Each structure stands twice: as structure tokens, then as C-alpha cells.
Amino acid sequence: MVDAAPWWSLFVAPALLPALAVFAVAADALLIAREAGRPAGVVTAGRRLLEVPRLLVAQPRRTPSSDTLLRRAGVVTVPVAAVLAVLVVPFGRRTVGDLSVGVVWFNAMEVLTWAGLWMSGWGQNAAFSLIGGYRYLAQGLAYELPLMFALISAATGAQSLRVGGVVAAQHGLWFAVWMPFAFAVFLTSVSAFSFLGPFSYPAGRDIAGGVLGDTSGADRLLLQAGRWLWLAAGAAMAVPLFLGGGAGPGPAPWAWSLLKTLAVLVALVCIQRRFPMVRADRYVEFAWVVLVPLAVLQALVPALVVLNR
């Protein structure tokens, strides 16, 4: 059972999500140091965070005839959409916004990132930034439909679009157990809409950083933060959708939610370092030929189970 949290929780969620994002950044820094044979300690984990004050005091880079309003709106949209997305994610038995269409809300906020990155790329009035923005749209066309079928599978199994309803429907058996393909597709899509690891094509080195290439200072910080905030938001949403939410023996429900989220986050950080960058056109082909048909079949499983109850 998931209940609405007090009004002050509206300020807790935006604070907790950056903490999870910092944890993911630190874990990524430790993995990089370990792969390079360097000591992996607290100093190594925190060194990446030194980038924050450096970007805040950096001189802004300006491109000729850039659309400042469009660029700024796009840059701000990415992290803000990630924060808004987690308002429907239960933390233990409490959620900030117990919307009747919580699953749709999360998906809608994720799609806002499409617009945010495209506006950021277009507003720079620079070729590589614009190409990076269009690359993200192409990547979105590949991952969005399988992601939607993964969300539909969970919602169908629960017969509810309320995230709390999805958690309640997993009493005794997590959806990840009998919807493993939908779970895998959701985790893959989390990396894709975070444009990290194998899905960093919009910010590829072959186009000088793409959507990040001509940004600097606070704008670059917001875009970089948005990537990790979305990774943390996706990990947090995977818990109520497929891992039973805060259910578990012993510790309090909020502790289970936190532990499961951290476990998913670590898994995402580790997995994304195991694969090379995937071109959007290759992933589009793979998604439409392999992922979409299998995702449809996966969505039929809970539909048939519900019909036969």
C-alpha cells in the first residue's frame, strides 16, 4: 500500500535525486580508476565532483547568432524533467504525487528530454551541437517504443497506471521474475534516455561532443547533471515497476527502496562501461527488428494472465 507523503516531501525528492546521481558519478569514477590501474579510493571518487566549481566559474562560450532563450530553455528542461519524473516514484510506502496516471507521467517527463536536448542543440547555432540534438531524436525513435511496451507490460500486470498500484500487484512475486524481458528493456532504455555509456552517441567524440560540445559553464553543468539525474530517476522507477517497491523482510520499506535503487544504479553504471557506443541507425534497426516484436510478445503475457484470472 502506497500513501501520499506530507507536503514537505515535495522538497525532499529534489534533494534525494541529486544525492543518488552523485553516488552514480562516484561509482563511475571508481570503475574508471580501477580499469586504468589507479588507486580507487574516496579521493578518486570525489575528484569528478571538482568539475562542479570549475564549470560554475568558467567563462561562458558564445557562438555567433545563438538563440540564448531557446538554448537556456533546453538546458534547464533536461534536469528539471528528471526531478519532476520522480515525484510519482514511491519511496517505501510514501510518494509525493500518487497520480492515477503515474506511469504515463514518468514517460511524459522522459519525452520532454527529447525537446530539451534538441532545443539546446538548435539554440547553439553550431553544426555539431545541432547534429547531436538530432542524434538524440534518432536514438529516441529507437528506444521509445520498446520502453513504452515495457511500461505497458507492468501496467497491464497491475491493471493500473498508478505506480502504487503496480507495487501492490507485485505482492509475493516481482514483475522482474515473470516479465524479465520488459525489465531488461526498461534498464536499457534508462541508459538510452540518459545518453550515457553505449548510448552516448548524441555527445560522441566524432562530432566534438555533440550536444555538449559548444556548451560551457553552468549550461554544461546542467546538461551533465541532467544525464546522471535521469540515470538515477530511471533506477528509482525500476524498483516500483519491477522489483516490488519497498517490499522486503527486516528493514523498513524506505530502506528497501533505497537499497534496491542503489543496487540498480550500480548495475547500470557497471553494465554501461562494458559496451561500446552504438550508432543510432544500428540501434533503430535492432529495436524495430528484434526489440519491438519481443516487447509486444512480453506485453501479451500479463494481458493473457489478467484475462484468465
Protein backbone atom coordinates (compact mmCIF):
# COMPACT_ATOMS: atom_id res chain seq x y z
CA MET A 1 0.00 0.00 0.00
CA VAL A 2 1.44 3.38 -1.06
CA ASP A 3 0.09 6.59 0.52
CA ALA A 4 0.59 10.26 -0.33
CA ALA A 5 3.51 11.82 1.56
CA PRO A 6 3.25 15.12 3.52
CA TRP A 7 3.58 18.38 1.57
CA TRP A 8 7.19 18.93 2.70
CA SER A 9 8.25 15.78 0.84
CA LEU A 10 7.96 17.92 -2.30
CA PHE A 11 11.34 19.37 -1.29
CA VAL A 12 12.88 16.04 -0.22
CA ALA A 13 12.60 14.32 -3.60
CA PRO A 14 14.59 17.02 -5.49
CA ALA A 15 17.29 16.71 -2.80
CA LEU A 16 17.45 12.91 -2.79
CA LEU A 17 17.72 12.53 -6.56
CA PRO A 18 20.97 14.58 -6.85
CA ALA A 19 22.40 12.50 -3.99
CA LEU A 20 21.72 9.34 -5.99
CA ALA A 21 23.23 10.98 -9.08
CA VAL A 22 26.40 11.88 -7.14
CA PHE A 23 26.61 8.28 -5.95
CA ALA A 24 26.44 7.09 -9.58
CA VAL A 25 29.13 9.58 -10.65
CA ALA A 26 31.39 8.41 -7.82
CA ALA A 27 30.84 4.75 -8.73
CA ASP A 28 31.67 5.53 -12.36
CA ALA A 29 34.87 7.35 -11.32
CA LEU A 30 35.93 4.36 -9.21
CA LEU A 31 35.37 1.97 -12.12
CA ILE A 32 37.42 4.18 -14.46
CA ALA A 33 40.27 4.31 -11.94
CA ARG A 34 40.16 0.56 -11.43
CA GLU A 35 40.25 -0.12 -15.19
CA ALA A 36 43.21 2.26 -15.53
CA GLY A 37 45.09 0.55 -12.69
CA ARG A 38 44.96 3.65 -10.49
CA PRO A 39 44.13 3.60 -6.75
CA ALA A 40 40.35 3.61 -6.24
CA GLY A 41 39.55 5.47 -3.03
CA VAL A 42 37.49 8.30 -1.64
CA VAL A 43 39.71 10.92 -3.27
CA THR A 44 39.28 9.28 -6.67
CA ALA A 45 35.50 9.09 -6.19
CA GLY A 46 35.26 12.75 -5.24
CA ARG A 47 37.65 14.08 -7.87
CA ARG A 48 34.93 14.11 -10.55
CA LEU A 49 32.86 16.44 -8.35
CA LEU A 50 35.61 19.07 -8.53
CA GLU A 51 34.31 19.67 -12.03
CA VAL A 52 31.26 21.41 -10.49
CA PRO A 53 33.01 24.56 -9.13
CA ARG A 54 35.25 24.68 -12.21
CA LEU A 55 32.24 24.81 -14.53
CA LEU A 56 30.43 27.34 -12.33
CA VAL A 57 33.29 29.86 -12.58
CA ALA A 58 34.23 29.06 -16.19
CA GLN A 59 33.88 31.77 -18.82
CA PRO A 60 30.73 31.08 -20.91
CA ARG A 61 31.42 30.14 -24.51
CA ARG A 62 29.33 32.06 -27.04
CA THR A 63 28.65 31.06 -30.61
CA PRO A 64 27.67 33.67 -33.25
CA SER A 65 23.92 34.36 -33.55
CA SER A 66 22.95 31.72 -30.97
CA ASP A 67 19.38 31.71 -29.65
CA THR A 68 20.03 32.23 -25.95
CA LEU A 69 16.40 31.77 -24.83
CA LEU A 70 15.95 28.52 -26.77
CA ARG A 71 19.32 27.18 -25.59
CA ARG A 72 18.71 28.02 -21.95
CA ALA A 73 15.18 26.56 -22.05
CA GLY A 74 16.57 23.32 -23.47
CA VAL A 75 19.42 23.11 -20.99
CA VAL A 76 17.10 23.63 -17.99
CA THR A 77 14.46 21.22 -19.30
CA VAL A 78 16.71 18.14 -19.06
CA PRO A 79 17.42 18.15 -15.27
CA VAL A 80 14.03 19.63 -14.35
CA ALA A 81 12.19 16.88 -16.24
CA ALA A 82 14.22 14.26 -14.34
CA VAL A 83 13.24 15.79 -10.98
CA LEU A 84 9.56 16.04 -11.99
CA ALA A 85 9.60 12.41 -13.15
CA VAL A 86 10.46 11.02 -9.70
CA LEU A 87 7.56 12.82 -7.99
CA VAL A 88 5.42 9.75 -8.73
CA VAL A 89 8.05 7.21 -7.60
CA PRO A 90 7.20 5.72 -4.18
CA PHE A 91 9.91 5.80 -1.53
CA GLY A 92 8.93 2.98 0.77
CA ARG A 93 5.21 3.40 1.31
CA ARG A 94 5.11 7.12 0.57
CA THR A 95 5.04 9.06 -2.68
CA VAL A 96 4.98 12.78 -3.36
CA GLY A 97 2.37 12.57 -6.10
CA ASP A 98 0.13 9.50 -6.14
CA LEU A 99 -1.25 10.23 -9.62
CA SER A 100 -3.77 7.87 -11.21
CA VAL A 101 -1.61 8.02 -14.36
CA GLY A 102 1.80 7.94 -12.66
CA VAL A 103 3.34 5.59 -15.24
CA VAL A 104 2.28 7.92 -18.05
CA TRP A 105 3.60 10.93 -16.13
CA PHE A 106 7.08 9.36 -15.88
CA ASN A 107 7.06 8.56 -19.60
CA ALA A 108 5.88 12.08 -20.48
CA MET A 109 8.66 13.69 -18.44
CA GLU A 110 11.21 11.45 -20.17
CA VAL A 111 9.92 12.56 -23.59
CA LEU A 112 10.41 16.19 -22.51
CA THR A 113 14.15 15.44 -22.58
CA TRP A 114 13.85 14.95 -26.36
CA ALA A 115 12.68 18.54 -26.70
CA GLY A 116 15.22 19.82 -24.18
CA LEU A 117 18.27 18.37 -25.92
CA TRP A 118 17.03 19.32 -29.37
CA MET A 119 16.40 22.93 -28.26
CA SER A 120 19.84 23.02 -26.65
CA GLY A 121 21.49 21.77 -29.85
CA TRP A 122 19.50 24.09 -32.13
CA GLY A 123 19.92 27.15 -29.93
CA GLN A 124 23.72 26.90 -30.07
CA ASN A 125 23.68 27.75 -33.78
CA ALA A 126 26.58 25.32 -34.22
CA ALA A 127 26.68 22.36 -36.60
CA PHE A 128 27.93 19.68 -34.22
CA SER A 129 25.53 20.69 -31.44
CA LEU A 130 22.62 20.50 -33.86
CA ILE A 131 23.77 17.10 -35.13
CA GLY A 132 23.97 15.91 -31.52
CA GLY A 133 20.40 17.05 -30.91
CA TYR A 134 19.13 15.21 -33.97
CA ARG A 135 21.13 12.14 -32.98
CA TYR A 136 19.24 12.10 -29.68
CA LEU A 137 15.92 12.25 -31.56
CA ALA A 138 17.02 9.34 -33.76
CA GLN A 139 18.07 7.39 -30.68
CA GLY A 140 14.73 8.21 -29.10
CA LEU A 141 12.86 6.75 -32.05
CA ALA A 142 14.75 3.51 -31.40
CA TYR A 143 14.30 3.11 -27.64
CA GLU A 144 10.94 4.81 -27.02
CA LEU A 145 8.60 2.18 -28.46
CA PRO A 146 10.24 -0.78 -26.65
CA LEU A 147 10.24 1.36 -23.48
CA MET A 148 6.54 2.05 -23.85
CA PHE A 149 5.78 -1.66 -24.26
CA ALA A 150 7.86 -2.36 -21.12
CA LEU A 151 5.78 0.20 -19.19
CA ILE A 152 2.59 -1.23 -20.68
CA SER A 153 3.61 -4.72 -19.52
CA ALA A 154 3.95 -3.57 -15.90
CA ALA A 155 0.75 -1.51 -16.03
CA THR A 156 -1.18 -4.39 -17.61
CA GLY A 157 0.04 -6.85 -14.99
CA ALA A 158 -1.17 -4.46 -12.27
CA GLN A 159 -4.29 -3.35 -14.19
CA SER A 160 -3.37 0.16 -13.08
CA LEU A 161 -1.40 3.16 -14.31
CA ARG A 162 -0.88 4.25 -10.70
CA VAL A 163 2.69 3.45 -9.63
CA GLY A 164 1.43 2.50 -6.16
CA GLY A 165 -0.97 0.06 -7.83
CA VAL A 166 1.92 -1.54 -9.72
CA VAL A 167 3.78 -2.03 -6.42
CA ALA A 168 0.70 -3.57 -4.74
CA ALA A 169 0.24 -6.02 -7.63
CA GLN A 170 3.72 -7.49 -7.01
CA HIS A 171 2.86 -8.86 -3.58
CA GLY A 172 4.58 -12.25 -3.43
CA LEU A 173 6.15 -12.14 -6.91
CA TRP A 174 8.12 -9.33 -8.53
CA PHE A 175 7.32 -8.40 -12.11
CA ALA A 176 11.04 -8.79 -12.92
CA VAL A 177 10.61 -12.54 -12.36
CA TRP A 178 7.83 -13.13 -14.89
CA MET A 179 8.50 -10.09 -17.10
CA PRO A 180 12.30 -10.34 -17.44
CA PHE A 181 12.40 -9.02 -21.00
CA ALA A 182 10.35 -5.93 -20.10
CA PHE A 183 12.71 -5.36 -17.15
CA ALA A 184 15.78 -5.66 -19.40
CA VAL A 185 14.25 -3.31 -22.00
CA PHE A 186 13.43 -0.75 -19.30
CA LEU A 187 17.01 -0.79 -17.95
CA THR A 188 18.42 -0.48 -21.47
CA SER A 189 16.11 2.46 -22.13
CA VAL A 190 17.27 4.14 -18.91
CA SER A 191 20.83 4.21 -20.30
CA ALA A 192 19.46 5.42 -23.65
CA PHE A 193 17.46 8.40 -22.35
CA SER A 194 20.41 9.27 -20.08
CA PHE A 195 22.63 9.22 -23.22
CA LEU A 196 25.38 7.55 -21.22
CA GLY A 197 27.69 4.63 -22.00
CA PRO A 198 26.79 2.82 -25.24
CA PHE A 199 24.07 5.41 -25.87
CA SER A 200 26.32 8.47 -25.68
CA TYR A 201 26.01 8.87 -29.47
CA PRO A 202 24.41 12.38 -29.18
CA ALA A 203 27.54 13.51 -27.33
CA GLY A 204 30.00 11.50 -29.43
CA ARG A 205 33.66 12.41 -29.82
CA ASP A 206 33.36 12.16 -33.62
CA ILE A 207 31.23 15.34 -33.53
CA ALA A 208 33.36 17.10 -30.89
CA GLY A 209 30.98 16.33 -28.04
CA GLY A 210 27.73 16.94 -29.97
CA VAL A 211 25.10 18.47 -27.69
CA LEU A 212 27.79 19.12 -25.08
CA GLY A 213 30.47 20.36 -27.46
CA ASP A 214 29.64 24.07 -27.56
CA THR A 215 28.24 24.37 -24.05
CA SER A 216 30.30 25.64 -21.16
CA GLY A 217 29.93 26.91 -17.63
CA ALA A 218 26.60 26.45 -15.86
CA ASP A 219 24.89 25.29 -19.09
CA ARG A 220 27.29 22.38 -19.47
CA LEU A 221 26.94 21.57 -15.77
CA LEU A 222 23.13 21.39 -16.08
CA LEU A 223 23.31 19.10 -19.11
CA GLN A 224 25.87 16.81 -17.48
CA ALA A 225 23.83 16.78 -14.27
CA GLY A 226 20.71 16.00 -16.29
CA ARG A 227 22.30 12.85 -17.70
CA TRP A 228 23.09 11.45 -14.25
CA LEU A 229 19.81 12.65 -12.75
CA TRP A 230 17.95 10.71 -15.43
CA LEU A 231 20.06 7.60 -14.72
CA ALA A 232 19.15 7.90 -11.03
CA ALA A 233 15.48 8.58 -11.84
CA GLY A 234 15.33 5.52 -14.11
CA ALA A 235 16.93 3.32 -11.43
CA ALA A 236 14.44 4.63 -8.85
CA MET A 237 11.48 3.93 -11.19
CA ALA A 238 12.70 0.38 -11.90
CA VAL A 239 12.17 -0.50 -8.23
CA PRO A 240 8.37 0.05 -8.02
CA LEU A 241 7.81 -1.15 -11.60
CA PHE A 242 9.66 -4.45 -11.47
CA LEU A 243 11.28 -5.07 -8.05
CA GLY A 244 8.33 -4.87 -5.68
CA GLY A 245 8.95 -1.33 -4.44
CA GLY A 246 9.77 -1.15 -0.72
CA ALA A 247 8.65 -4.72 0.00
CA GLY A 248 11.14 -6.93 1.83
CA PRO A 249 11.83 -8.61 5.17
CA GLY A 250 13.53 -6.84 8.07
CA PRO A 251 14.39 -3.21 7.33
CA ALA A 252 11.77 -0.50 6.84
CA PRO A 253 10.18 -0.12 3.38
CA TRP A 254 12.07 3.14 2.70
CA ALA A 255 15.36 1.31 3.39
CA TRP A 256 14.43 -1.42 0.91
CA SER A 257 13.54 1.19 -1.70
CA LEU A 258 16.92 2.87 -1.18
CA LEU A 259 18.89 -0.39 -1.24
CA LYS A 260 17.17 -1.62 -4.39
CA THR A 261 17.67 1.73 -6.12
CA LEU A 262 21.38 1.77 -5.27
CA ALA A 263 21.74 -1.82 -6.48
CA VAL A 264 20.08 -0.98 -9.83
CA LEU A 265 22.18 2.16 -10.12
CA VAL A 266 25.44 0.26 -9.56
CA ALA A 267 24.36 -2.38 -12.08
CA LEU A 268 23.60 0.30 -14.70
CA VAL A 269 26.95 2.03 -14.14
CA CYS A 270 28.85 -1.27 -14.39
CA ILE A 271 26.98 -2.55 -17.46
CA GLN A 272 27.24 0.67 -19.44
CA ARG A 273 31.04 0.50 -19.25
CA ARG A 274 31.04 -2.97 -20.81
CA PHE A 275 29.67 -1.98 -24.20
CA PRO A 276 30.99 0.29 -26.97
CA MET A 277 28.99 3.25 -28.25
CA VAL A 278 26.11 2.23 -30.53
CA ARG A 279 25.19 4.28 -33.59
CA ALA A 280 21.57 5.41 -33.59
CA ASP A 281 20.81 3.89 -37.02
CA ARG A 282 22.15 0.50 -35.88
CA TYR A 283 20.08 0.64 -32.72
CA VAL A 284 16.98 1.71 -34.67
CA GLU A 285 17.35 -1.37 -36.87
CA PHE A 286 17.92 -3.65 -33.85
CA ALA A 287 14.98 -2.12 -31.98
CA TRP A 288 12.46 -2.43 -34.79
CA VAL A 289 13.56 -5.91 -35.90
CA VAL A 290 14.24 -7.54 -32.52
CA LEU A 291 13.18 -5.47 -29.50
CA VAL A 292 9.72 -4.29 -30.60
CA PRO A 293 8.40 -7.76 -31.62
CA LEU A 294 9.75 -9.34 -28.43
CA ALA A 295 8.40 -6.45 -26.33
CA VAL A 296 4.94 -6.96 -27.87
CA LEU A 297 5.11 -10.68 -27.03
CA GLN A 298 6.18 -9.78 -23.48
CA ALA A 299 3.22 -7.37 -23.16
CA LEU A 300 0.87 -10.19 -24.22
CA VAL A 301 1.97 -12.36 -21.27
CA PRO A 302 0.49 -10.18 -18.49
CA ALA A 303 -2.52 -9.43 -20.73
CA LEU A 304 -3.30 -13.17 -21.03
CA VAL A 305 -2.68 -13.72 -17.31
CA VAL A 306 -5.08 -10.90 -16.40
CA LEU A 307 -7.75 -12.16 -18.83
CA ASN A 308 -7.60 -15.66 -17.32
CA ARG A 309 -7.95 -14.55 -13.71
